[in-house]
Amino acid sequence: MVSPNPRLTLGVNIDHVATIRQARRTVEPDPVAAATLAELGGADGITVHLREDRRHIQDRDVKILRQTVQSHLNLEMAPTAEMVAIALDIKPDYVTLVPEKREEITTEGGIDIVGNFARFKEVVEQLQGAGIPVSWFIDAELEQIEAAQKTGAQFIELHTGKYAEAQDSDQQQAELATLKTGAKQAIALGLRVNAGHGLTYRNVYPVACIEGMEELNIGHTIISRAVLVGLERAVREMKLAMWGQL
């Protein structure tokens, strides 16, 4: 059996805890409490996406999480002036820059660095100049990977949506091969590699085994399972799944 990188970590995305709260515009469930339980379950990091429309995570959540998260805080955000200002104020452990459309249910694909290179490079310089490492959420395409490296970012996060949504084994294997190639190309350019989007307990192991993979950011499937079995157990079981032990 192939083994993942022994240093592979799990970032738990707690956005959907806030989604439940915002459905009633109330105070529960509290994503800050969820972050604590996720860490007790073995999460190596906490991920939140502060969207421009504030549909789930709120500014106050991020501020409190910055003070309470004991592992590391990954702030996903669009590369806009508003979000850069928030990141510079809060100073998360790192930032993942993602595309964002108001009408989408969830992030639909990787960000286009090539088509916005000059502006995006400035964003990286602002954030990393303030000591905040930057990761780009991109598709596993060579031109995007090369552009990510040229912006000066330290990380990329490979979009695993196409792999997760594959309709049959052949398509899934083809998408996995694309991810493996992308990771290899990125590492050769000096980038560190994370991955995420649509990963579940059933499909995570092959991605975890991609050579050089450092962190998987996973949310919806963990929160969905947590509704039934509790968050600590759901996180523990995901870590087992990452190692092919579930």
Protein backbone atom coordinates (compact mmCIF):
# COMPACT_ATOMS: atom_id res chain seq x y z
CA MET A 1 0.00 0.00 0.00
CA VAL A 2 1.26 3.47 -0.92
CA SER A 3 1.77 5.78 2.05
CA PRO A 4 1.06 9.52 2.20
CA ASN A 5 3.74 12.04 3.01
CA PRO A 6 4.47 11.36 6.73
CA ARG A 7 4.16 15.11 7.34
CA LEU A 8 0.75 15.36 5.60
CA THR A 9 -1.68 17.51 7.58
CA LEU A 10 -5.43 18.08 7.62
CA GLY A 11 -6.98 21.55 7.52
CA VAL A 12 -10.63 21.40 8.55
CA ASN A 13 -12.88 23.96 6.86
CA ILE A 14 -15.62 25.03 9.27
CA ASP A 15 -17.57 27.29 6.89
CA HIS A 16 -20.63 25.06 6.94
CA VAL A 17 -21.00 25.36 10.69
CA ALA A 18 -21.50 29.06 10.04
CA THR A 19 -23.85 28.21 7.14
CA ILE A 20 -26.18 26.48 9.59
CA ARG A 21 -26.00 29.43 11.97
CA GLN A 22 -26.69 32.00 9.26
CA ALA A 23 -29.72 30.06 8.02
CA ARG A 24 -31.52 31.39 11.10
CA ARG A 25 -29.36 34.49 11.72
CA THR A 26 -28.81 33.28 15.27
CA VAL A 27 -25.78 32.57 17.47
CA GLU A 28 -25.52 28.82 17.09
CA PRO A 29 -23.79 26.65 16.13
CA ASP A 30 -20.65 28.63 16.86
CA PRO A 31 -17.80 28.08 14.36
CA VAL A 32 -15.30 29.09 17.04
CA ALA A 33 -16.47 26.20 19.23
CA ALA A 34 -16.36 23.96 16.17
CA ALA A 35 -12.73 24.90 15.57
CA THR A 36 -11.86 23.87 19.11
CA LEU A 37 -13.60 20.51 18.72
CA ALA A 38 -11.93 19.95 15.35
CA GLU A 39 -8.53 20.51 16.92
CA LEU A 40 -9.40 18.13 19.74
CA GLY A 41 -10.24 15.58 17.06
CA GLY A 42 -6.80 16.00 15.50
CA ALA A 43 -7.16 18.84 12.99
CA ASP A 44 -3.76 20.28 12.12
CA GLY A 45 -5.27 23.55 10.96
CA ILE A 46 -8.54 25.46 10.65
CA THR A 47 -9.69 26.91 7.35
CA VAL A 48 -12.38 29.55 6.84
CA HIS A 49 -13.51 31.41 3.72
CA LEU A 50 -14.54 34.99 4.38
CA ARG A 51 -16.73 35.68 1.37
CA GLU A 52 -17.50 39.14 0.06
CA ASP A 53 -21.23 38.57 0.65
CA ARG A 54 -20.60 37.16 4.17
CA ARG A 55 -22.92 34.25 3.47
CA HIS A 56 -21.44 32.13 6.26
CA ILE A 57 -18.24 33.16 8.06
CA GLN A 58 -18.40 36.70 9.49
CA ASP A 59 -15.63 39.18 10.25
CA ARG A 60 -16.09 38.65 13.98
CA ASP A 61 -15.61 34.89 13.56
CA VAL A 62 -12.24 35.40 11.92
CA LYS A 63 -11.08 37.82 14.59
CA ILE A 64 -11.98 35.43 17.40
CA LEU A 65 -10.52 32.44 15.58
CA ARG A 66 -7.23 34.30 15.19
CA GLN A 67 -7.12 34.54 18.99
CA THR A 68 -8.28 31.02 19.79
CA VAL A 69 -7.01 28.60 17.12
CA GLN A 70 -4.12 26.60 18.55
CA SER A 71 -2.94 24.98 15.31
CA HIS A 72 -2.87 27.31 12.30
CA LEU A 73 -5.48 29.52 10.70
CA ASN A 74 -5.84 29.49 6.91
CA LEU A 75 -7.95 32.38 5.62
CA GLU A 76 -9.46 31.76 2.20
CA MET A 77 -10.41 34.97 0.43
CA ALA A 78 -10.75 36.71 -2.90
CA PRO A 79 -7.75 38.88 -3.92
CA THR A 80 -9.61 42.16 -3.43
CA ALA A 81 -8.55 45.35 -1.66
CA GLU A 82 -11.16 44.82 1.05
CA MET A 83 -9.99 41.30 1.83
CA VAL A 84 -6.31 42.21 1.72
CA ALA A 85 -6.98 44.94 4.30
CA ILE A 86 -8.76 42.43 6.56
CA ALA A 87 -5.93 39.92 6.25
CA LEU A 88 -3.31 42.55 7.02
CA ASP A 89 -5.27 43.46 10.15
CA ILE A 90 -5.97 39.92 11.39
CA LYS A 91 -2.71 38.31 10.23
CA PRO A 92 -3.75 34.67 9.73
CA ASP A 93 -1.03 32.03 9.58
CA TYR A 94 -1.49 31.96 5.84
CA VAL A 95 -3.92 33.11 3.18
CA THR A 96 -5.33 31.08 0.30
CA LEU A 97 -6.45 33.26 -2.60
CA VAL A 98 -9.52 31.90 -4.34
CA PRO A 99 -11.90 32.96 -7.14
CA GLU A 100 -15.30 34.12 -6.06
CA LYS A 101 -18.63 34.65 -7.79
CA ARG A 102 -21.70 35.87 -5.91
CA GLU A 103 -24.04 33.42 -7.64
CA GLU A 104 -22.01 30.24 -7.06
CA ILE A 105 -23.00 27.74 -4.37
CA THR A 106 -19.36 26.86 -3.72
CA THR A 107 -16.06 27.67 -5.41
CA GLU A 108 -16.33 26.27 -8.92
CA GLY A 109 -12.70 26.11 -10.05
CA GLY A 110 -9.22 27.45 -9.69
CA ILE A 111 -8.35 31.13 -9.91
CA ASP A 112 -6.97 32.59 -13.15
CA ILE A 113 -3.57 34.01 -12.25
CA VAL A 114 -2.41 34.22 -15.87
CA GLY A 115 -5.18 36.61 -16.87
CA ASN A 116 -4.71 38.86 -13.84
CA PHE A 117 -0.99 38.50 -13.26
CA ALA A 118 0.10 42.09 -12.57
CA ARG A 119 -2.65 42.80 -10.03
CA PHE A 120 -2.35 39.42 -8.35
CA LYS A 121 1.41 39.75 -8.01
CA GLU A 122 0.85 43.01 -6.11
CA VAL A 123 -1.55 41.22 -3.75
CA VAL A 124 1.07 38.57 -2.98
CA GLU A 125 3.69 41.24 -2.38
CA GLN A 126 1.39 43.09 0.02
CA LEU A 127 0.55 40.00 2.05
CA GLN A 128 3.93 38.34 2.12
CA GLY A 129 5.58 41.69 2.75
CA ALA A 130 3.57 41.70 5.98
CA GLY A 131 4.75 38.20 6.87
CA ILE A 132 1.62 36.32 5.72
CA PRO A 133 2.46 33.36 3.44
CA VAL A 134 0.24 33.08 0.35
CA SER A 135 -1.24 30.06 -1.39
CA TRP A 136 -3.07 30.14 -4.74
CA PHE A 137 -6.11 27.89 -5.25
CA ILE A 138 -5.62 26.76 -8.85
CA ASP A 139 -6.37 24.02 -11.32
CA ALA A 140 -3.49 21.67 -12.04
CA GLU A 141 -2.50 23.46 -15.25
CA LEU A 142 1.14 24.19 -16.01
CA GLU A 143 0.59 27.82 -17.06
CA GLN A 144 -1.27 28.58 -13.83
CA ILE A 145 1.35 26.79 -11.75
CA GLU A 146 4.14 28.75 -13.43
CA ALA A 147 2.23 32.00 -12.93
CA ALA A 148 1.73 31.18 -9.24
CA GLN A 149 5.45 30.71 -8.84
CA LYS A 150 6.20 33.98 -10.63
CA THR A 151 3.94 35.92 -8.24
CA GLY A 152 6.30 34.90 -5.46
CA ALA A 153 3.70 32.86 -3.54
CA GLN A 154 4.99 30.05 -1.35
CA PHE A 155 2.15 27.57 -1.84
CA ILE A 156 -0.47 26.37 -4.25
CA GLU A 157 -3.63 24.46 -3.41
CA LEU A 158 -4.64 22.15 -6.23
CA HIS A 159 -8.36 22.18 -7.00
CA THR A 160 -9.54 18.58 -6.67
CA GLY A 161 -13.14 19.19 -7.78
CA LYS A 162 -12.85 17.46 -11.15
CA TYR A 163 -11.32 14.41 -9.50
CA ALA A 164 -14.02 14.35 -6.81
CA GLU A 165 -16.83 14.70 -9.36
CA ALA A 166 -15.53 12.08 -11.82
CA GLN A 167 -18.34 9.88 -13.11
CA ASP A 168 -16.38 6.67 -13.47
CA SER A 169 -13.08 5.06 -12.50
CA ASP A 170 -11.33 5.89 -15.78
CA GLN A 171 -12.18 9.57 -15.50
CA GLN A 172 -11.18 9.64 -11.84
CA GLN A 173 -7.81 8.04 -12.63
CA ALA A 174 -7.23 10.56 -15.43
CA GLU A 175 -7.97 13.46 -13.07
CA LEU A 176 -5.73 11.94 -10.41
CA ALA A 177 -2.91 11.71 -12.95
CA THR A 178 -3.40 15.40 -13.76
CA LEU A 179 -3.13 16.27 -10.07
CA LYS A 180 0.03 14.18 -9.71
CA THR A 181 1.62 15.90 -12.70
CA GLY A 182 0.63 19.31 -11.39
CA ALA A 183 2.11 18.59 -7.96
CA LYS A 184 5.35 17.39 -9.51
CA GLN A 185 5.61 20.49 -11.70
CA ALA A 186 4.92 22.78 -8.75
CA ILE A 187 7.48 21.14 -6.50
CA ALA A 188 10.08 21.38 -9.28
CA LEU A 189 9.44 25.14 -9.32
CA GLY A 190 9.97 25.40 -5.57
CA LEU A 191 6.30 25.65 -4.59
CA ARG A 192 4.76 23.81 -1.67
CA VAL A 193 1.60 21.88 -2.52
CA ASN A 194 -1.76 21.53 -0.76
CA ALA A 195 -5.05 20.30 -2.22
CA GLY A 196 -8.75 20.42 -1.60
CA HIS A 197 -12.35 20.71 -2.81
CA GLY A 198 -14.91 17.92 -2.90
CA LEU A 199 -12.72 15.40 -1.10
CA THR A 200 -14.62 12.81 0.93
CA TYR A 201 -13.90 9.85 3.18
CA ARG A 202 -14.15 7.59 0.12
CA ASN A 203 -11.92 9.43 -2.34
CA VAL A 204 -9.31 11.17 -0.18
CA TYR A 205 -6.67 8.45 0.09
CA PRO A 206 -5.28 8.57 -3.48
CA VAL A 207 -4.90 12.36 -3.25
CA ALA A 208 -3.24 12.02 0.16
CA CYS A 209 -0.69 9.73 -1.49
CA ILE A 210 0.40 12.25 -4.15
CA GLU A 211 4.12 12.71 -3.71
CA GLY A 212 5.01 15.93 -1.92
CA MET A 213 1.44 16.70 -0.79
CA GLU A 214 1.58 18.76 2.43
CA GLU A 215 -1.99 19.56 3.46
CA LEU A 216 -5.54 18.65 2.50
CA ASN A 217 -8.25 21.21 3.21
CA ILE A 218 -11.58 19.46 3.70
CA GLY A 219 -14.88 20.80 4.97
CA HIS A 220 -18.29 19.73 3.71
CA THR A 221 -17.91 15.98 4.12
CA ILE A 222 -16.51 16.35 7.65
CA ILE A 223 -19.26 18.72 8.79
CA SER A 224 -21.88 16.48 7.17
CA ARG A 225 -20.60 13.47 9.08
CA ALA A 226 -20.28 15.52 12.24
CA VAL A 227 -24.04 16.14 12.20
CA LEU A 228 -24.45 12.39 12.76
CA VAL A 229 -21.43 11.34 14.82
CA GLY A 230 -19.97 14.52 16.31
CA LEU A 231 -17.14 16.71 15.08
CA GLU A 232 -14.26 15.19 17.00
CA ARG A 233 -15.06 11.71 15.70
CA ALA A 234 -15.63 13.00 12.16
CA VAL A 235 -12.17 14.61 12.13
CA ARG A 236 -10.49 11.53 13.60
CA GLU A 237 -12.12 9.36 10.95
CA MET A 238 -10.98 11.68 8.14
CA LYS A 239 -7.41 11.41 9.35
CA LEU A 240 -7.76 7.63 9.27
CA ALA A 241 -9.20 7.85 5.73
CA MET A 242 -6.22 9.95 4.62
CA TRP A 243 -3.95 7.11 5.70
CA GLY A 244 -6.10 4.39 4.11
CA GLN A 245 -7.12 3.03 7.50
CA LEU A 246 -10.87 3.59 7.38
